[in-house]
Structures are given as structure tokens and as C-alpha cells.
Amino acid sequence: MTTYRALALSTKYWKPKEDYILQIVKAIANKANNGDFVVVSEKALSIATGKIVDESRISPSKNANLLARFCMRIGWGYFFGILCGFGKRMLRRLREYPIENGGRHKQLALQRAGLLQALMFGSEGGIDGSNLPYSLASLPLDDAGEMATEIRKQIMERLGKSLTVLIVDTDKTYTFKNFHFTPRPKPLKGIHSWGGVCAYLLGRILKLKKRPTPLAVSGRRLQTEEALKIANIADKARGSGSGATVWDMSARFKVGVSGVTWSMLDTLQHRPIVLVRSGRP
């Protein structure tokens, strides 16, 4: 049986136009060995490559406002949230879901991901506002496979080390026996993306095994189960950054959900890279 050890690596906070390959190379230079896995956060890559949207500039439609007012406050705050086993604090936050800012966020989700994703309570279609300031939200990567390959090639050229690169999202993949599924679009081959909110509810209500979602692997062929295991180990080592949700982030800084600034995020320890090493017990 293969065992794994993980080391989360701290870097500065990656802002738009960041040379993320340089940051990765610097972080792993004296720590990585041939054969290691380099697990990189999709969220950090999305921000570094400028895949972000300012939601304050979005005009919500009536449908988006209805989603914010009724789907979030009532549907998730009372029914779906309870079925999914949310804690009291999360349920309270959902029942107080902001209508104005929430409507803008739901409008973005409707435009980018469609209704089944917009019905989610968060990270709709991979759209995420955590670990970002103001009213900014990150979009999912369209080219995770190409990015993973380029990162691996650059590591080889600059460090002369042969590593395997994984790009991973914290959105969950659920497992039923040997069947892996996620509400998140464009997961790694072998993980089925379907149903949006339906997949999420099924996984949560049935209390299926859940792990972060690998999006791309470059360097070696991995079975889906192994990729999920490595993603999960890396996620536990990394932690949640400024907070798992925008509410956690704003509570940490004691400001409103759109009151977080770039300078506030700069003060935190960021660990967008995790080295995972395999071995025999």
C-alpha cells in the first residue's frame, strides 16, 4: 500500500499578472525530489492569470434577485441546508444572504454557468469569491491541462527535476463505490460532471465520501482514485487560506463581505502549492 507525505509551501499572495511559474519554482527549488507531486490551487492560478470579475459592475436580473432572496434565504437557509447537514452558523448566514450583492453574484452564475449551477449555495460552476478582495470573484480555468503541462516543463527546464503536476479545486467530488461525480464543470477525466445542484445535494444528503476535485495531471498517468487521494492529502495540508467562504474571510478581518482589501490578504500566510511524496510504509 502506498503512503504519502505532504508539505504545504508558503508564498506571497498571488495577485493578477503574477509570474506564478516563478513562484512555484522558487517554492519547491530546495524541497522537491524527482517523482514528487506538485499540487497547485486552481484558485491561485485563476487569480494570477486574471480570470476574475468585478461583481459590483453587474446588474442583476429579476431571476437573479429571486434566487438570492428565495433560493438562498429560504431554500438553502431552511430546507436544503438542513438536509445537507449544515451547521447553525452557516444556516444563519444563508438566512441573511445579502440580496443586492447576492443578486449580482447569482447573475454572474446564470450567465457563466447556467441555472443548475446558479442554484448552488456557493462556488457556482467554479465561480468563487473567497480569498479575493472587494466584490471580485474568480472564474474556473478553461485550460487547466495546458497549464499543468507548462508548469511541469518549466520545472524541468529550470530545476532539472521530473515532477508530476496536479491542478486541484476545493469543490468536492463525491464517490459511490467506483463512481466519482462532481457538480463542478471540467474535472479530471474519470470524474463525471453532471447535474449542478442535483449532484451536490445527492452527495451531501447520502453522506458520500467527498474530496477536492483534480482538474488536470501532467507528468504521469494516474488512476482517478489515486488523483483524488493525492488531492485530498494536499488539501488537508494546505488549509483554507483566508477562510473557506466569503463569510469566514470577512469575519476574520472584521469587515463586510466586500470590505476585504488586497493589503489585508497580503498579511496572511498563503499556501497555494503542496508537495506530496509517495513511499512504502
Protein backbone atom coordinates (compact mmCIF):
# COMPACT_ATOMS: atom_id res chain seq x y z
CA MET A 1 0.00 0.00 0.00
CA THR A 2 1.37 3.39 -1.00
CA THR A 3 1.62 6.07 1.67
CA TYR A 4 2.01 9.81 1.12
CA ARG A 5 3.60 12.70 2.95
CA ALA A 6 2.62 16.29 2.24
CA LEU A 7 4.36 19.63 2.72
CA ALA A 8 2.42 22.86 2.16
CA LEU A 9 4.65 25.65 0.85
CA SER A 10 4.08 29.30 1.70
CA THR A 11 4.40 32.07 -0.86
CA LYS A 12 3.28 35.65 -1.10
CA TYR A 13 -0.31 36.23 -2.12
CA TRP A 14 -0.65 35.83 -5.90
CA LYS A 15 -2.27 38.85 -7.50
CA PRO A 16 -3.29 39.31 -11.15
CA LYS A 17 -0.33 39.19 -13.60
CA GLU A 18 1.74 37.25 -11.07
CA ASP A 19 4.57 35.13 -12.51
CA TYR A 20 3.15 32.02 -10.91
CA ILE A 21 5.65 29.67 -12.54
CA LEU A 22 8.50 31.63 -10.94
CA GLN A 23 6.73 31.45 -7.58
CA ILE A 24 6.27 27.69 -7.91
CA VAL A 25 9.88 27.13 -8.94
CA LYS A 26 11.22 29.25 -6.06
CA ALA A 27 8.99 27.49 -3.53
CA ILE A 28 9.96 23.93 -4.49
CA ALA A 29 13.60 24.51 -5.56
CA ASN A 30 15.30 23.09 -2.46
CA LYS A 31 12.49 20.80 -1.35
CA ALA A 32 11.29 18.72 -4.31
CA ASN A 33 12.72 15.36 -5.35
CA ASN A 34 12.30 13.56 -8.64
CA GLY A 35 8.97 11.75 -8.65
CA ASP A 36 7.21 14.14 -6.26
CA PHE A 37 3.75 15.52 -6.93
CA VAL A 38 3.31 19.30 -7.09
CA VAL A 39 -0.30 20.15 -6.27
CA VAL A 40 -1.31 23.69 -7.23
CA SER A 41 -4.52 25.50 -6.27
CA GLU A 42 -6.76 26.36 -9.20
CA LYS A 43 -7.99 29.42 -7.33
CA ALA A 44 -4.48 30.85 -7.04
CA LEU A 45 -3.86 30.23 -10.74
CA SER A 46 -7.17 31.84 -11.72
CA ILE A 47 -6.26 35.00 -9.79
CA ALA A 48 -2.69 35.08 -11.11
CA THR A 49 -3.90 34.81 -14.71
CA GLY A 50 -6.56 37.48 -14.23
CA LYS A 51 -9.60 35.25 -14.54
CA ILE A 52 -11.60 37.45 -12.18
CA VAL A 53 -14.77 39.51 -12.46
CA ASP A 54 -15.83 42.61 -10.53
CA GLU A 55 -19.36 41.76 -9.47
CA SER A 56 -20.08 45.34 -8.41
CA ARG A 57 -20.37 46.18 -12.11
CA ILE A 58 -23.04 43.54 -12.77
CA SER A 59 -26.73 44.44 -12.96
CA PRO A 60 -28.80 41.57 -11.58
CA SER A 61 -31.92 40.40 -13.38
CA LYS A 62 -35.20 39.67 -11.66
CA ASN A 63 -34.41 35.96 -11.80
CA ALA A 64 -31.05 36.54 -10.12
CA ASN A 65 -32.67 38.56 -7.34
CA LEU A 66 -35.28 35.85 -6.87
CA LEU A 67 -32.52 33.29 -6.48
CA ALA A 68 -30.82 35.44 -3.88
CA ARG A 69 -34.00 36.16 -1.94
CA PHE A 70 -35.86 32.86 -2.06
CA CYS A 71 -33.50 30.10 -3.17
CA MET A 72 -30.70 31.17 -0.85
CA ARG A 73 -32.55 32.58 2.17
CA ILE A 74 -35.41 30.09 2.25
CA GLY A 75 -34.38 27.11 0.10
CA TRP A 76 -30.84 26.76 1.46
CA GLY A 77 -31.40 28.55 4.77
CA TYR A 78 -34.16 26.21 5.86
CA PHE A 79 -34.66 23.17 3.65
CA PHE A 80 -31.63 22.14 1.60
CA GLY A 81 -29.14 23.38 4.16
CA ILE A 82 -30.72 21.27 6.90
CA LEU A 83 -30.88 18.22 4.60
CA CYS A 84 -27.19 18.67 3.80
CA GLY A 85 -26.26 18.87 7.47
CA PHE A 86 -25.06 22.49 7.53
CA GLY A 87 -24.19 23.89 10.94
CA LYS A 88 -26.17 26.58 12.74
CA ARG A 89 -23.75 29.35 11.79
CA MET A 90 -23.92 28.52 8.08
CA LEU A 91 -27.71 28.29 8.19
CA ARG A 92 -27.91 31.69 9.89
CA ARG A 93 -25.66 33.21 7.23
CA LEU A 94 -27.77 31.74 4.44
CA ARG A 95 -30.97 33.08 6.02
CA GLU A 96 -29.34 36.53 6.00
CA TYR A 97 -27.96 36.17 2.45
CA PRO A 98 -27.39 39.68 1.01
CA ILE A 99 -29.97 40.41 -1.66
CA GLU A 100 -28.16 43.17 -3.57
CA ASN A 101 -24.65 41.70 -3.71
CA GLY A 102 -26.04 38.18 -3.82
CA GLY A 103 -28.19 39.07 -6.82
CA ARG A 104 -25.11 40.24 -8.71
CA HIS A 105 -23.29 37.02 -7.85
CA LYS A 106 -26.25 34.92 -9.00
CA GLN A 107 -26.44 36.90 -12.23
CA LEU A 108 -22.80 36.07 -12.94
CA ALA A 109 -23.52 32.41 -12.21
CA LEU A 110 -26.54 32.40 -14.53
CA GLN A 111 -24.55 33.99 -17.34
CA ARG A 112 -21.43 31.86 -16.97
CA ALA A 113 -22.69 28.51 -15.72
CA GLY A 114 -26.47 28.21 -16.13
CA LEU A 115 -29.42 27.63 -13.83
CA LEU A 116 -28.43 24.28 -12.29
CA GLN A 117 -25.16 25.83 -11.17
CA ALA A 118 -26.73 29.13 -10.07
CA LEU A 119 -29.00 27.15 -7.73
CA MET A 120 -25.91 26.10 -5.73
CA PHE A 121 -25.30 27.88 -2.43
CA GLY A 122 -21.68 28.68 -3.31
CA SER A 123 -18.91 28.16 -5.88
CA GLU A 124 -21.50 28.04 -8.62
CA GLY A 125 -19.86 26.46 -11.65
CA GLY A 126 -16.46 27.05 -10.07
CA ILE A 127 -17.12 30.78 -9.54
CA ASP A 128 -15.72 31.76 -6.15
CA GLY A 129 -15.40 34.97 -4.13
CA SER A 130 -13.28 33.65 -1.26
CA ASN A 131 -9.62 34.71 -0.96
CA LEU A 132 -10.37 37.78 -3.08
CA PRO A 133 -10.92 41.42 -2.06
CA TYR A 134 -13.84 43.78 -2.61
CA SER A 135 -16.55 42.33 -4.87
CA LEU A 136 -14.20 40.28 -7.01
CA ALA A 137 -14.87 36.65 -7.92
CA SER A 138 -12.64 34.16 -9.70
CA LEU A 139 -13.68 32.08 -12.70
CA PRO A 140 -12.70 28.45 -13.32
CA LEU A 141 -9.76 27.68 -15.58
CA ASP A 142 -10.55 26.71 -19.15
CA ASP A 143 -7.07 25.37 -19.87
CA ALA A 144 -6.01 23.52 -16.71
CA GLY A 145 -4.42 20.71 -18.71
CA GLU A 146 -2.23 23.06 -20.75
CA MET A 147 -1.23 24.99 -17.62
CA ALA A 148 -0.24 21.83 -15.76
CA THR A 149 1.89 20.73 -18.71
CA GLU A 150 3.61 24.12 -18.96
CA ILE A 151 4.34 24.21 -15.22
CA ARG A 152 5.87 20.73 -15.39
CA LYS A 153 8.02 21.67 -18.40
CA GLN A 154 9.26 24.84 -16.74
CA ILE A 155 10.17 22.96 -13.57
CA MET A 156 12.20 20.51 -15.62
CA GLU A 157 13.96 23.29 -17.56
CA ARG A 158 14.75 25.47 -14.55
CA LEU A 159 15.41 22.85 -11.87
CA GLY A 160 16.17 19.70 -13.84
CA LYS A 161 13.62 17.75 -11.79
CA SER A 162 10.98 15.40 -13.12
CA LEU A 163 7.78 16.00 -11.19
CA THR A 164 4.09 15.39 -11.66
CA VAL A 165 1.86 18.48 -11.55
CA LEU A 166 -1.77 18.40 -10.40
CA ILE A 167 -4.15 21.34 -10.50
CA VAL A 168 -6.91 20.92 -7.91
CA ASP A 169 -10.08 22.75 -6.92
CA THR A 170 -11.54 22.59 -3.41
CA ASP A 171 -15.04 21.95 -4.82
CA LYS A 172 -15.91 18.41 -3.91
CA THR A 173 -16.05 15.20 -5.88
CA TYR A 174 -18.34 12.53 -4.41
CA THR A 175 -17.68 8.81 -4.64
CA PHE A 176 -20.21 5.98 -4.73
CA LYS A 177 -18.34 2.68 -4.92
CA ASN A 178 -16.14 3.22 -8.01
CA PHE A 179 -18.23 6.04 -9.49
CA HIS A 180 -16.89 9.57 -8.98
CA PHE A 181 -19.04 12.63 -9.70
CA THR A 182 -18.99 16.36 -9.06
CA PRO A 183 -21.18 19.40 -9.69
CA ARG A 184 -18.04 21.24 -10.79
CA PRO A 185 -17.51 21.63 -14.58
CA LYS A 186 -14.46 20.20 -16.38
CA PRO A 187 -12.95 17.84 -13.80
CA LEU A 188 -10.20 15.32 -14.49
CA LYS A 189 -11.11 12.52 -16.89
CA GLY A 190 -12.71 9.71 -14.89
CA ILE A 191 -14.75 12.11 -12.76
CA HIS A 192 -18.25 12.73 -14.07
CA SER A 193 -19.57 16.30 -14.08
CA TRP A 194 -23.33 16.50 -14.13
CA GLY A 195 -26.41 17.98 -12.57
CA GLY A 196 -25.00 21.02 -10.82
CA VAL A 197 -27.03 21.43 -7.64
CA CYS A 198 -28.55 17.95 -8.07
CA ALA A 199 -25.13 16.27 -7.83
CA TYR A 200 -24.27 18.37 -4.79
CA LEU A 201 -27.49 17.52 -2.98
CA LEU A 202 -27.16 13.82 -3.78
CA GLY A 203 -23.60 13.67 -2.47
CA ARG A 204 -24.36 15.60 0.69
CA ILE A 205 -27.69 14.02 1.60
CA LEU A 206 -26.37 10.48 1.08
CA LYS A 207 -23.19 11.45 3.00
CA LEU A 208 -20.97 10.06 0.28
CA LYS A 209 -17.20 10.22 0.52
CA LYS A 210 -16.11 13.67 -0.64
CA ARG A 211 -12.73 15.01 -1.70
CA PRO A 212 -11.34 18.03 -3.59
CA THR A 213 -11.58 17.80 -7.36
CA PRO A 214 -8.48 17.23 -9.51
CA LEU A 215 -8.75 19.17 -12.77
CA ALA A 216 -5.56 18.20 -14.58
CA VAL A 217 -2.49 15.98 -14.21
CA SER A 218 0.75 16.28 -16.15
CA GLY A 219 3.81 14.06 -15.81
CA ARG A 220 2.42 10.59 -15.34
CA ARG A 221 -0.77 8.62 -15.77
CA LEU A 222 -2.80 8.44 -12.57
CA GLN A 223 -5.84 6.37 -11.78
CA THR A 224 -8.78 8.56 -10.75
CA GLU A 225 -8.80 7.20 -7.20
CA GLU A 226 -5.11 7.96 -6.74
CA ALA A 227 -5.53 11.51 -8.08
CA LEU A 228 -8.40 12.06 -5.65
CA LYS A 229 -6.37 10.70 -2.75
CA ILE A 230 -3.43 12.99 -3.52
CA ALA A 231 -5.78 15.98 -3.92
CA ASN A 232 -7.32 15.25 -0.53
CA ILE A 233 -3.97 14.91 1.23
CA ALA A 234 -2.79 18.19 -0.30
CA ASP A 235 -5.99 19.99 0.69
CA LYS A 236 -5.66 18.93 4.33
CA ALA A 237 -2.05 20.10 4.39
CA ARG A 238 -2.86 23.46 2.77
CA GLY A 239 -5.73 24.63 4.95
CA SER A 240 -8.34 27.21 3.97
CA GLY A 241 -6.29 30.39 3.48
CA SER A 242 -8.30 33.44 4.49
CA GLY A 243 -11.36 31.28 5.08
CA ALA A 244 -13.44 28.58 3.46
CA THR A 245 -16.18 31.05 2.46
CA VAL A 246 -16.53 34.79 1.88
CA TRP A 247 -18.29 34.98 5.26
CA ASP A 248 -15.32 33.37 7.01
CA MET A 249 -12.96 35.72 5.20
CA SER A 250 -14.89 38.86 6.13
CA ALA A 251 -15.30 37.66 9.74
CA ARG A 252 -11.56 37.11 10.00
CA PHE A 253 -10.87 40.73 9.08
CA LYS A 254 -13.97 42.07 10.88
CA VAL A 255 -15.30 43.85 7.78
CA GLY A 256 -18.26 43.43 5.46
CA VAL A 257 -18.18 40.79 2.73
CA SER A 258 -16.99 43.38 0.19
CA GLY A 259 -14.70 45.22 2.64
CA VAL A 260 -11.66 42.97 2.36
CA THR A 261 -8.70 44.64 0.60
CA TRP A 262 -5.59 43.45 -1.23
CA SER A 263 -3.42 44.65 1.65
CA MET A 264 -5.45 42.59 4.14
CA LEU A 265 -4.92 39.45 2.09
CA ASP A 266 -1.20 40.27 1.87
CA THR A 267 -0.91 39.87 5.65
CA LEU A 268 -1.96 36.22 5.63
CA GLN A 269 0.07 33.11 5.04
CA HIS A 270 -0.76 31.68 1.63
CA ARG A 271 -0.01 28.11 0.65
CA PRO A 272 -1.07 27.60 -2.97
CA ILE A 273 1.47 24.79 -3.51
CA VAL A 274 1.72 21.44 -1.77
CA LEU A 275 4.48 18.89 -2.35
CA VAL A 276 3.26 15.33 -1.98
CA ARG A 277 5.76 12.46 -1.81
CA SER A 278 4.88 8.81 -2.12
CA GLY A 279 6.61 5.92 -0.39
CA ARG A 280 6.16 2.48 1.09
CA PRO A 281 5.33 2.07 4.79
